[in-house]
Amino acid sequence: MANHPSAWKRVRQNEKRAERNRANISRVRTFLKKFEEAVRLGKVEAVKSAFQQAQAEVHKGVRKGVLRANTASRKVARLHRRVKALEASS
């Protein structure tokens, strides 16, 4: 346990930051799940809309520091590939 005021403060800051990071990660995952659901239903317009929202949230995750830039780029590229495949099959 922390024994100095500065260490107590650091513990409080770490707890706040961890909670904020969990919320941001959860938000990104939620939008990815919405995209997956739209793909499962197979409606092209819904998939495009969900893709735009998911892409924005993934990039916001990079800005917030919960995802690395290369990871976000890879995720978005895979989502986009699925959108293109669905468009081609329609």
N, C-alpha and C. Protein backbone atom coordinates (compact mmCIF):
# COMPACT_ATOMS: atom_id res chain seq x y z
N MET A 1 0.84 -1.19 0.00
CA MET A 1 0.00 0.00 0.00
C MET A 1 0.88 1.24 0.00
N ALA A 2 0.35 2.31 -0.57
CA ALA A 2 1.09 3.56 -0.66
C ALA A 2 1.29 4.17 0.72
N ASN A 3 2.47 4.71 0.94
CA ASN A 3 2.80 5.28 2.24
C ASN A 3 3.05 6.78 2.22
N HIS A 4 3.02 7.41 1.04
CA HIS A 4 3.28 8.83 0.93
C HIS A 4 2.14 9.50 0.18
N PRO A 5 1.90 10.75 0.48
CA PRO A 5 0.80 11.44 -0.21
C PRO A 5 0.92 11.40 -1.74
N SER A 6 2.13 11.51 -2.25
CA SER A 6 2.31 11.47 -3.70
C SER A 6 1.97 10.09 -4.25
N ALA A 7 2.26 9.06 -3.48
CA ALA A 7 1.94 7.70 -3.91
C ALA A 7 0.43 7.46 -3.85
N TRP A 8 -0.23 8.04 -2.85
CA TRP A 8 -1.70 7.92 -2.77
C TRP A 8 -2.33 8.58 -3.99
N LYS A 9 -1.80 9.76 -4.32
CA LYS A 9 -2.32 10.48 -5.47
C LYS A 9 -2.10 9.66 -6.74
N ARG A 10 -0.94 9.06 -6.88
CA ARG A 10 -0.64 8.25 -8.06
C ARG A 10 -1.61 7.08 -8.17
N VAL A 11 -1.95 6.46 -7.04
CA VAL A 11 -2.91 5.35 -7.04
C VAL A 11 -4.26 5.84 -7.54
N ARG A 12 -4.70 7.00 -7.03
CA ARG A 12 -5.98 7.56 -7.48
C ARG A 12 -5.96 7.86 -8.98
N GLN A 13 -4.87 8.45 -9.46
CA GLN A 13 -4.76 8.77 -10.88
C GLN A 13 -4.79 7.51 -11.73
N ASN A 14 -4.08 6.48 -11.29
CA ASN A 14 -4.04 5.22 -12.04
C ASN A 14 -5.42 4.59 -12.12
N GLU A 15 -6.18 4.65 -11.02
CA GLU A 15 -7.53 4.09 -11.03
C GLU A 15 -8.43 4.83 -12.01
N LYS A 16 -8.34 6.16 -12.01
CA LYS A 16 -9.15 6.96 -12.93
C LYS A 16 -8.79 6.67 -14.38
N ARG A 17 -7.50 6.60 -14.65
CA ARG A 17 -7.06 6.35 -16.02
C ARG A 17 -7.45 4.96 -16.48
N ALA A 18 -7.34 3.97 -15.59
CA ALA A 18 -7.71 2.61 -15.95
C ALA A 18 -9.20 2.53 -16.27
N GLU A 19 -10.01 3.20 -15.48
CA GLU A 19 -11.45 3.22 -15.72
C GLU A 19 -11.76 3.89 -17.07
N ARG A 20 -11.09 4.99 -17.35
CA ARG A 20 -11.29 5.70 -18.61
C ARG A 20 -10.86 4.83 -19.79
N ASN A 21 -9.73 4.14 -19.66
CA ASN A 21 -9.25 3.27 -20.73
C ASN A 21 -10.22 2.12 -20.97
N ARG A 22 -10.74 1.54 -19.88
CA ARG A 22 -11.72 0.44 -20.02
C ARG A 22 -12.94 0.92 -20.79
N ALA A 23 -13.40 2.13 -20.47
CA ALA A 23 -14.57 2.67 -21.15
C ALA A 23 -14.29 2.89 -22.63
N ASN A 24 -13.12 3.42 -22.95
CA ASN A 24 -12.77 3.66 -24.35
C ASN A 24 -12.64 2.37 -25.13
N ILE A 25 -12.00 1.38 -24.54
CA ILE A 25 -11.85 0.08 -25.21
C ILE A 25 -13.22 -0.55 -25.42
N SER A 26 -14.07 -0.47 -24.42
CA SER A 26 -15.41 -1.03 -24.52
C SER A 26 -16.20 -0.36 -25.63
N ARG A 27 -16.05 0.95 -25.75
CA ARG A 27 -16.75 1.69 -26.80
C ARG A 27 -16.31 1.22 -28.20
N VAL A 28 -15.02 1.03 -28.37
CA VAL A 28 -14.51 0.55 -29.66
C VAL A 28 -15.07 -0.83 -29.95
N ARG A 29 -15.03 -1.71 -28.97
CA ARG A 29 -15.53 -3.07 -29.17
C ARG A 29 -17.02 -3.08 -29.49
N THR A 30 -17.78 -2.19 -28.87
CA THR A 30 -19.21 -2.11 -29.13
C THR A 30 -19.48 -1.79 -30.59
N PHE A 31 -18.74 -0.83 -31.14
CA PHE A 31 -18.96 -0.47 -32.54
C PHE A 31 -18.49 -1.57 -33.48
N LEU A 32 -17.46 -2.31 -33.09
CA LEU A 32 -17.04 -3.46 -33.91
C LEU A 32 -18.11 -4.55 -33.90
N LYS A 33 -18.75 -4.74 -32.75
CA LYS A 33 -19.84 -5.73 -32.67
C LYS A 33 -21.03 -5.29 -33.50
N LYS A 34 -21.33 -3.99 -33.51
CA LYS A 34 -22.43 -3.49 -34.34
C LYS A 34 -22.13 -3.74 -35.82
N PHE A 35 -20.88 -3.57 -36.21
CA PHE A 35 -20.49 -3.86 -37.58
C PHE A 35 -20.69 -5.34 -37.89
N GLU A 36 -20.25 -6.20 -36.99
CA GLU A 36 -20.41 -7.65 -37.19
C GLU A 36 -21.88 -8.03 -37.33
N GLU A 37 -22.72 -7.41 -36.54
CA GLU A 37 -24.16 -7.70 -36.60
C GLU A 37 -24.72 -7.26 -37.95
N ALA A 38 -24.30 -6.10 -38.44
CA ALA A 38 -24.76 -5.61 -39.74
C ALA A 38 -24.31 -6.55 -40.85
N VAL A 39 -23.09 -7.05 -40.76
CA VAL A 39 -22.59 -8.00 -41.77
C VAL A 39 -23.41 -9.27 -41.72
N ARG A 40 -23.72 -9.72 -40.52
CA ARG A 40 -24.49 -10.95 -40.36
C ARG A 40 -25.86 -10.82 -41.02
N LEU A 41 -26.47 -9.63 -40.89
CA LEU A 41 -27.78 -9.41 -41.51
C LEU A 41 -27.66 -9.27 -43.03
N GLY A 42 -26.50 -8.81 -43.50
CA GLY A 42 -26.23 -8.77 -44.92
C GLY A 42 -26.80 -7.60 -45.68
N LYS A 43 -27.22 -6.55 -45.00
CA LYS A 43 -27.76 -5.37 -45.68
C LYS A 43 -26.60 -4.41 -45.97
N VAL A 44 -26.38 -4.15 -47.26
CA VAL A 44 -25.20 -3.40 -47.68
C VAL A 44 -25.18 -1.99 -47.09
N GLU A 45 -26.30 -1.29 -47.13
CA GLU A 45 -26.33 0.09 -46.62
C GLU A 45 -26.05 0.12 -45.12
N ALA A 46 -26.62 -0.83 -44.39
CA ALA A 46 -26.38 -0.89 -42.94
C ALA A 46 -24.92 -1.20 -42.66
N VAL A 47 -24.33 -2.05 -43.48
CA VAL A 47 -22.92 -2.40 -43.29
C VAL A 47 -22.03 -1.19 -43.55
N LYS A 48 -22.34 -0.44 -44.60
CA LYS A 48 -21.54 0.76 -44.91
C LYS A 48 -21.63 1.77 -43.77
N SER A 49 -22.82 1.98 -43.25
CA SER A 49 -23.01 2.91 -42.15
C SER A 49 -22.25 2.44 -40.91
N ALA A 50 -22.39 1.15 -40.60
CA ALA A 50 -21.70 0.59 -39.43
C ALA A 50 -20.18 0.66 -39.61
N PHE A 51 -19.73 0.47 -40.86
CA PHE A 51 -18.29 0.57 -41.13
C PHE A 51 -17.77 1.96 -40.85
N GLN A 52 -18.49 2.98 -41.31
CA GLN A 52 -18.05 4.35 -41.08
C GLN A 52 -17.97 4.66 -39.59
N GLN A 53 -18.98 4.21 -38.84
CA GLN A 53 -18.97 4.46 -37.40
C GLN A 53 -17.83 3.69 -36.72
N ALA A 54 -17.65 2.43 -37.11
CA ALA A 54 -16.60 1.62 -36.50
C ALA A 54 -15.22 2.19 -36.82
N GLN A 55 -15.04 2.62 -38.06
CA GLN A 55 -13.77 3.21 -38.46
C GLN A 55 -13.47 4.46 -37.62
N ALA A 56 -14.46 5.30 -37.45
CA ALA A 56 -14.27 6.51 -36.65
C ALA A 56 -13.90 6.16 -35.21
N GLU A 57 -14.58 5.18 -34.65
CA GLU A 57 -14.31 4.81 -33.25
C GLU A 57 -12.93 4.17 -33.10
N VAL A 58 -12.51 3.38 -34.07
CA VAL A 58 -11.18 2.77 -33.99
C VAL A 58 -10.12 3.85 -34.03
N HIS A 59 -10.28 4.82 -34.92
CA HIS A 59 -9.30 5.90 -34.99
C HIS A 59 -9.35 6.79 -33.74
N LYS A 60 -10.53 6.93 -33.17
CA LYS A 60 -10.63 7.67 -31.91
C LYS A 60 -9.89 6.91 -30.80
N GLY A 61 -9.96 5.58 -30.85
CA GLY A 61 -9.21 4.77 -29.90
C GLY A 61 -7.72 5.01 -29.99
N VAL A 62 -7.23 5.24 -31.20
CA VAL A 62 -5.81 5.56 -31.38
C VAL A 62 -5.50 6.91 -30.73
N ARG A 63 -6.37 7.89 -30.97
CA ARG A 63 -6.14 9.21 -30.38
C ARG A 63 -6.17 9.16 -28.86
N LYS A 64 -7.03 8.30 -28.31
CA LYS A 64 -7.15 8.19 -26.86
C LYS A 64 -6.04 7.33 -26.26
N GLY A 65 -5.29 6.62 -27.09
CA GLY A 65 -4.17 5.83 -26.60
C GLY A 65 -4.52 4.42 -26.19
N VAL A 66 -5.69 3.91 -26.58
CA VAL A 66 -6.05 2.54 -26.20
C VAL A 66 -5.75 1.54 -27.31
N LEU A 67 -5.43 2.04 -28.50
CA LEU A 67 -5.00 1.19 -29.61
C LEU A 67 -3.76 1.80 -30.25
N ARG A 68 -2.90 0.94 -30.75
CA ARG A 68 -1.76 1.42 -31.53
C ARG A 68 -2.23 1.71 -32.96
N ALA A 69 -1.52 2.60 -33.62
CA ALA A 69 -1.91 3.03 -34.96
C ALA A 69 -1.91 1.87 -35.95
N ASN A 70 -0.90 1.01 -35.89
CA ASN A 70 -0.84 -0.11 -36.83
C ASN A 70 -1.97 -1.10 -36.58
N THR A 71 -2.31 -1.32 -35.33
CA THR A 71 -3.41 -2.21 -34.99
C THR A 71 -4.71 -1.67 -35.54
N ALA A 72 -4.92 -0.39 -35.37
CA ALA A 72 -6.14 0.25 -35.86
C ALA A 72 -6.21 0.16 -37.38
N SER A 73 -5.10 0.41 -38.03
CA SER A 73 -5.05 0.36 -39.49
C SER A 73 -5.38 -1.05 -39.98
N ARG A 74 -4.85 -2.04 -39.32
CA ARG A 74 -5.12 -3.43 -39.69
C ARG A 74 -6.59 -3.78 -39.50
N LYS A 75 -7.16 -3.36 -38.38
CA LYS A 75 -8.58 -3.63 -38.12
C LYS A 75 -9.47 -2.98 -39.16
N VAL A 76 -9.19 -1.72 -39.47
CA VAL A 76 -10.01 -0.99 -40.45
C VAL A 76 -9.87 -1.63 -41.82
N ALA A 77 -8.66 -2.04 -42.19
CA ALA A 77 -8.46 -2.68 -43.49
C ALA A 77 -9.26 -3.97 -43.59
N ARG A 78 -9.29 -4.74 -42.52
CA ARG A 78 -10.05 -6.00 -42.54
C ARG A 78 -11.55 -5.73 -42.62
N LEU A 79 -12.01 -4.71 -41.91
CA LEU A 79 -13.42 -4.35 -41.99
C LEU A 79 -13.77 -3.91 -43.41
N HIS A 80 -12.90 -3.10 -44.00
CA HIS A 80 -13.16 -2.58 -45.35
C HIS A 80 -13.18 -3.72 -46.36
N ARG A 81 -12.31 -4.68 -46.18
CA ARG A 81 -12.27 -5.84 -47.08
C ARG A 81 -13.59 -6.60 -47.01
N ARG A 82 -14.16 -6.68 -45.83
CA ARG A 82 -15.45 -7.38 -45.68
C ARG A 82 -16.58 -6.59 -46.33
N VAL A 83 -16.52 -5.25 -46.23
CA VAL A 83 -17.53 -4.41 -46.89
C VAL A 83 -17.47 -4.63 -48.39
N LYS A 84 -16.25 -4.60 -48.95
CA LYS A 84 -16.09 -4.79 -50.39
C LYS A 84 -16.57 -6.16 -50.84
N ALA A 85 -16.30 -7.19 -50.05
CA ALA A 85 -16.74 -8.54 -50.39
C ALA A 85 -18.27 -8.61 -50.40
N LEU A 86 -18.89 -7.96 -49.43
CA LEU A 86 -20.35 -7.97 -49.37
C LEU A 86 -20.95 -7.21 -50.55
N GLU A 87 -20.33 -6.09 -50.92
CA GLU A 87 -20.81 -5.33 -52.08
C GLU A 87 -20.68 -6.16 -53.36
N ALA A 88 -19.58 -6.89 -53.48
CA ALA A 88 -19.36 -7.69 -54.69
C ALA A 88 -20.35 -8.84 -54.79
N SER A 89 -20.73 -9.40 -53.65
CA SER A 89 -21.65 -10.53 -53.68
C SER A 89 -23.11 -10.10 -53.88
N SER A 90 -23.40 -8.80 -53.67
CA SER A 90 -24.77 -8.32 -53.81
C SER A 90 -25.12 -8.01 -55.24
